[in-house]
């Protein structure tokens, strides 16, 4: 399949999921090429009148700029908590803290349990924070992102403090990873939150939960791209059409 065909699959997945957004929702807007199509379709629905009165929480500065440029009402997560009663029909945050109704985001790998690797776009920390306060987390992918075992093709991005990142790298390599400091234009890539990313290749990951616990315990690790038990549905665009995997 040529590059244009894969772009068509991304478009199909992204626009399909946008139809799940309903009037009055608080929506998490994901980052990446497939999620971009979702944001554009949501904006299109607002303009045509098939969708009204939504509030959006973007997962990156890039997505925030796109959404604002398309006329979508954007708030930060902090503002959402402070002004929830004004912005939505909810009077106060629910006891579980899940203030976002639906988040639609992309992924780099997804397995049959709907566990995922995310973060090759560089926005994993905000994406995970948004997912953690979302009632329904939906991923949009093309069929090439489906794997039998996490780590089969994608590295695990690990967001780390810039201070002493070299020592953090050594600690990550002790977990069995082949590490690479992410670069952009010949310089270390810096995330929206001001951190570095170390891409960690493990090959097929035998126990993702154990690895996630190990990574998070390393001093200086801010977050990692293993999204385990957080995803409720995956919209997959394949050569045979669009289908949904549900937890």
Protein backbone atom coordinates (compact mmCIF):
# COMPACT_ATOMS: atom_id res chain seq x y z
CA UNK A 1 0.00 0.00 0.00
CA UNK A 2 1.40 3.42 -0.95
CA UNK A 3 1.84 6.42 1.34
CA UNK A 4 -1.34 8.13 0.14
CA UNK A 5 -3.35 5.02 0.99
CA UNK A 6 -2.01 4.99 4.56
CA UNK A 7 -2.91 8.68 4.84
CA UNK A 8 -6.42 7.75 3.77
CA UNK A 9 -6.60 5.17 6.57
CA UNK A 10 -5.51 7.76 9.15
CA UNK A 11 -8.18 10.11 7.85
CA UNK A 12 -10.82 7.38 8.04
CA UNK A 13 -10.01 6.48 11.66
CA UNK A 14 -9.76 10.07 12.83
CA UNK A 15 -12.96 11.29 11.26
CA UNK A 16 -14.93 8.19 12.30
CA UNK A 17 -14.14 8.74 15.97
CA UNK A 18 -15.09 12.42 15.76
CA UNK A 19 -18.71 11.32 15.31
CA UNK A 20 -18.65 9.96 18.88
CA UNK A 21 -18.44 13.48 20.28
CA UNK A 22 -21.84 14.68 21.52
CA UNK A 23 -23.29 18.07 22.43
CA UNK A 24 -22.12 19.49 25.74
CA UNK A 25 -19.13 17.17 26.15
CA UNK A 26 -15.74 17.97 27.59
CA UNK A 27 -13.40 16.46 25.00
CA UNK A 28 -9.71 15.62 25.21
CA UNK A 29 -8.00 16.36 21.90
CA UNK A 30 -5.09 14.07 21.15
CA UNK A 31 -1.91 14.80 19.24
CA UNK A 32 -0.37 13.26 16.16
CA UNK A 33 -1.35 12.82 12.54
CA UNK A 34 -4.41 10.61 13.01
CA UNK A 35 -5.79 12.58 15.98
CA UNK A 36 -5.35 15.74 13.91
CA UNK A 37 -8.07 14.48 11.57
CA UNK A 38 -10.35 14.07 14.59
CA UNK A 39 -9.82 17.68 15.66
CA UNK A 40 -10.46 18.96 12.14
CA UNK A 41 -13.66 16.92 11.85
CA UNK A 42 -14.90 18.13 15.24
CA UNK A 43 -14.36 21.70 14.08
CA UNK A 44 -16.20 20.93 10.86
CA UNK A 45 -19.15 19.53 12.82
CA UNK A 46 -19.27 22.67 14.96
CA UNK A 47 -19.36 24.86 11.85
CA UNK A 48 -22.08 22.81 10.18
CA UNK A 49 -24.20 22.74 13.35
CA UNK A 50 -24.24 18.97 13.92
CA UNK A 51 -22.32 19.53 17.18
CA UNK A 52 -22.69 22.30 19.75
CA UNK A 53 -21.42 23.50 23.11
CA UNK A 54 -18.27 21.45 23.61
CA UNK A 55 -15.15 22.33 25.58
CA UNK A 56 -11.80 20.88 24.53
CA UNK A 57 -8.64 20.07 26.51
CA UNK A 58 -5.68 19.68 24.11
CA UNK A 59 -2.80 17.32 24.89
CA UNK A 60 -0.11 19.50 23.30
CA UNK A 61 0.66 23.06 22.32
CA UNK A 62 0.41 22.03 18.66
CA UNK A 63 -3.09 20.64 19.13
CA UNK A 64 -4.15 23.70 21.13
CA UNK A 65 -3.04 25.98 18.28
CA UNK A 66 -4.83 23.83 15.71
CA UNK A 67 -8.05 23.73 17.74
CA UNK A 68 -8.10 27.46 18.42
CA UNK A 69 -7.41 28.17 14.76
CA UNK A 70 -10.43 26.03 13.87
CA UNK A 71 -12.73 27.83 16.29
CA UNK A 72 -12.93 25.13 18.98
CA UNK A 73 -13.32 26.42 22.54
CA UNK A 74 -10.12 25.38 24.32
CA UNK A 75 -9.32 25.33 28.04
CA UNK A 76 -6.41 24.00 30.05
CA UNK A 77 -6.99 21.13 32.44
CA UNK A 78 -6.38 23.49 35.37
CA UNK A 79 -8.98 25.94 34.11
CA UNK A 80 -11.41 23.09 33.61
CA UNK A 81 -11.18 22.07 37.26
CA UNK A 82 -11.49 25.68 38.45
CA UNK A 83 -14.44 26.61 36.22
CA UNK A 84 -16.18 23.30 35.63
CA UNK A 85 -19.59 24.59 36.71
CA UNK A 86 -19.38 27.54 34.33
CA UNK A 87 -18.03 25.62 31.35
CA UNK A 88 -20.21 22.50 31.45
CA UNK A 89 -23.45 21.14 32.87
CA UNK A 90 -21.52 19.58 35.76
CA UNK A 91 -21.72 21.44 39.05
CA UNK A 92 -18.44 20.15 40.46
CA UNK A 93 -15.76 17.60 39.61
CA UNK A 94 -16.91 14.02 40.19
CA UNK A 95 -15.39 12.13 43.15
CA UNK A 96 -13.06 10.13 40.89
CA UNK A 97 -11.68 13.31 39.33
CA UNK A 98 -12.60 12.25 35.80
CA UNK A 99 -13.70 15.57 34.36
CA UNK A 100 -13.27 14.78 30.65
CA UNK A 101 -16.08 12.85 28.99
CA UNK A 102 -14.18 11.54 25.97
CA UNK A 103 -10.59 11.74 24.75
CA UNK A 104 -9.62 10.74 21.23
CA UNK A 105 -5.90 10.22 20.68
CA UNK A 106 -3.44 8.34 18.50
CA UNK A 107 -1.00 5.56 19.36
CA UNK A 108 2.21 4.00 18.11
CA UNK A 109 1.35 0.40 19.04
CA UNK A 110 -1.80 -1.27 20.37
CA UNK A 111 -2.12 -4.90 21.46
CA UNK A 112 -5.18 -7.14 21.74
CA UNK A 113 -5.71 -6.08 25.39
CA UNK A 114 -5.94 -2.43 24.25
CA UNK A 115 -2.70 -1.61 26.01
CA UNK A 116 -0.60 0.83 24.02
CA UNK A 117 2.70 2.55 23.46
CA UNK A 118 2.38 6.29 22.86
CA UNK A 119 4.76 9.20 22.71
CA UNK A 120 6.66 9.08 19.43
CA UNK A 121 5.09 12.47 18.74
CA UNK A 122 6.63 13.78 21.95
CA UNK A 123 3.48 14.50 23.97
CA UNK A 124 3.21 11.43 26.20
CA UNK A 125 3.14 13.20 29.56
CA UNK A 126 0.19 15.48 28.82
CA UNK A 127 -1.53 12.67 26.94
CA UNK A 128 -1.30 10.39 29.97
CA UNK A 129 -2.47 13.08 32.39
CA UNK A 130 -5.49 13.77 30.20
CA UNK A 131 -6.20 10.05 29.81
CA UNK A 132 -6.10 9.59 33.59
CA UNK A 133 -8.99 12.04 34.09
CA UNK A 134 -11.06 10.79 31.13
CA UNK A 135 -14.17 8.65 31.44
CA UNK A 136 -13.69 7.12 27.98
CA UNK A 137 -10.26 7.00 26.32
CA UNK A 138 -10.43 6.17 22.61
CA UNK A 139 -7.43 5.59 20.36
CA UNK A 140 -7.53 6.07 16.60
CA UNK A 141 -5.02 4.08 14.53
CA UNK A 142 -4.46 2.47 11.19
CA UNK A 143 -4.01 -1.30 11.08
CA UNK A 144 -0.21 -1.07 10.96
CA UNK A 145 -0.23 -0.04 14.65
CA UNK A 146 -1.75 -3.34 15.83
CA UNK A 147 0.77 -5.73 17.38
CA UNK A 148 0.65 -9.06 19.17
CA UNK A 149 3.15 -7.84 21.78
CA UNK A 150 4.08 -4.31 22.83
CA UNK A 151 7.59 -3.33 21.86
CA UNK A 152 7.48 -5.33 18.64
CA UNK A 153 8.23 -2.30 16.48
CA UNK A 154 8.11 0.86 18.60
CA UNK A 155 10.45 2.01 21.36
CA UNK A 156 9.06 3.04 24.73
CA UNK A 157 9.46 6.83 25.02
CA UNK A 158 10.54 7.90 28.50
CA UNK A 159 10.27 11.56 29.48
CA UNK A 160 13.10 12.52 31.82
CA UNK A 161 14.44 15.52 33.72
CA UNK A 162 17.12 17.42 31.83
CA UNK A 163 19.22 17.65 34.97
CA UNK A 164 21.41 14.57 35.13
CA UNK A 165 19.73 12.89 32.18
CA UNK A 166 22.93 10.95 31.47
CA UNK A 167 22.61 9.11 34.78
CA UNK A 168 18.94 8.42 34.11
CA UNK A 169 20.01 6.93 30.78
CA UNK A 170 22.39 4.55 32.55
CA UNK A 171 19.58 3.46 34.87
CA UNK A 172 17.29 2.83 31.91
CA UNK A 173 19.93 0.77 30.17
CA UNK A 174 20.14 -1.39 33.30
CA UNK A 175 16.49 -2.32 32.68
CA UNK A 176 17.56 -3.90 29.37
CA UNK A 177 16.85 -0.97 27.07
CA UNK A 178 18.82 0.27 24.13
CA UNK A 179 18.45 4.02 24.60
CA UNK A 180 18.64 7.04 22.32
CA UNK A 181 18.25 10.68 23.29
CA UNK A 182 15.60 12.08 20.98
CA UNK A 183 16.91 14.82 18.69
CA UNK A 184 15.36 17.52 16.56
CA UNK A 185 17.39 19.62 14.12
CA UNK A 186 20.62 18.34 15.67
CA UNK A 187 19.66 19.30 19.23
CA UNK A 188 17.93 17.40 22.06
CA UNK A 189 14.17 17.44 21.63
CA UNK A 190 12.46 19.36 24.45
CA UNK A 191 8.86 18.50 25.36
CA UNK A 192 6.08 21.01 26.02
CA UNK A 193 6.85 20.58 29.73
CA UNK A 194 10.57 21.28 29.23
CA UNK A 195 11.94 17.74 29.53
CA UNK A 196 14.03 15.38 27.38
CA UNK A 197 12.87 12.08 25.90
CA UNK A 198 14.92 8.89 25.89
CA UNK A 199 13.57 6.34 23.42
CA UNK A 200 14.05 2.86 24.91
CA UNK A 201 14.02 -0.23 22.72
CA UNK A 202 13.30 -3.51 24.48
CA UNK A 203 12.00 -5.69 21.68
CA UNK A 204 8.90 -7.65 22.64
CA UNK A 205 8.01 -6.78 26.23
CA UNK A 206 7.16 -9.88 28.26
CA UNK A 207 5.52 -8.05 31.18
CA UNK A 208 4.59 -4.48 30.40
CA UNK A 209 3.15 -3.77 33.86
CA UNK A 210 6.35 -4.85 35.57
CA UNK A 211 8.39 -2.69 33.21
CA UNK A 212 6.10 0.30 33.80
CA UNK A 213 6.55 -0.01 37.56
CA UNK A 214 10.32 -0.28 37.18
CA UNK A 215 10.55 2.76 34.90
CA UNK A 216 8.44 4.97 37.13
CA UNK A 217 10.61 4.13 40.15
CA UNK A 218 13.79 5.55 38.53
CA UNK A 219 14.64 9.01 39.95
CA UNK A 220 14.35 11.59 37.19
CA UNK A 221 11.82 9.67 35.11
CA UNK A 222 8.84 11.99 34.65
CA UNK A 223 6.68 9.60 32.67
CA UNK A 224 6.73 6.79 30.10
CA UNK A 225 4.79 5.81 27.01
CA UNK A 226 3.25 2.58 28.30
CA UNK A 227 -0.51 3.18 28.52
CA UNK A 228 -1.77 0.15 30.40
CA UNK A 229 -5.40 -0.40 31.38
CA UNK A 230 -6.28 3.16 30.35
CA UNK A 231 -7.90 2.64 26.95
CA UNK A 232 -11.58 1.82 26.55
CA UNK A 233 -11.84 1.52 22.77
CA UNK A 234 -9.67 1.58 19.65
CA UNK A 235 -10.91 2.70 16.24
CA UNK A 236 -8.94 0.87 13.56
CA UNK A 237 -8.89 1.84 9.90
CA UNK A 238 -7.98 -1.14 7.72
CA UNK A 239 -7.99 -1.86 4.02
CA UNK A 240 -11.34 -3.61 4.59
CA UNK A 241 -12.95 -0.70 6.41
CA UNK A 242 -13.14 0.89 9.86
CA UNK A 243 -13.89 -1.21 12.93
CA UNK A 244 -13.80 -0.80 16.70
CA UNK A 245 -12.08 -2.84 19.41
CA UNK A 246 -13.70 -2.45 22.85
CA UNK A 247 -12.43 -3.32 26.32
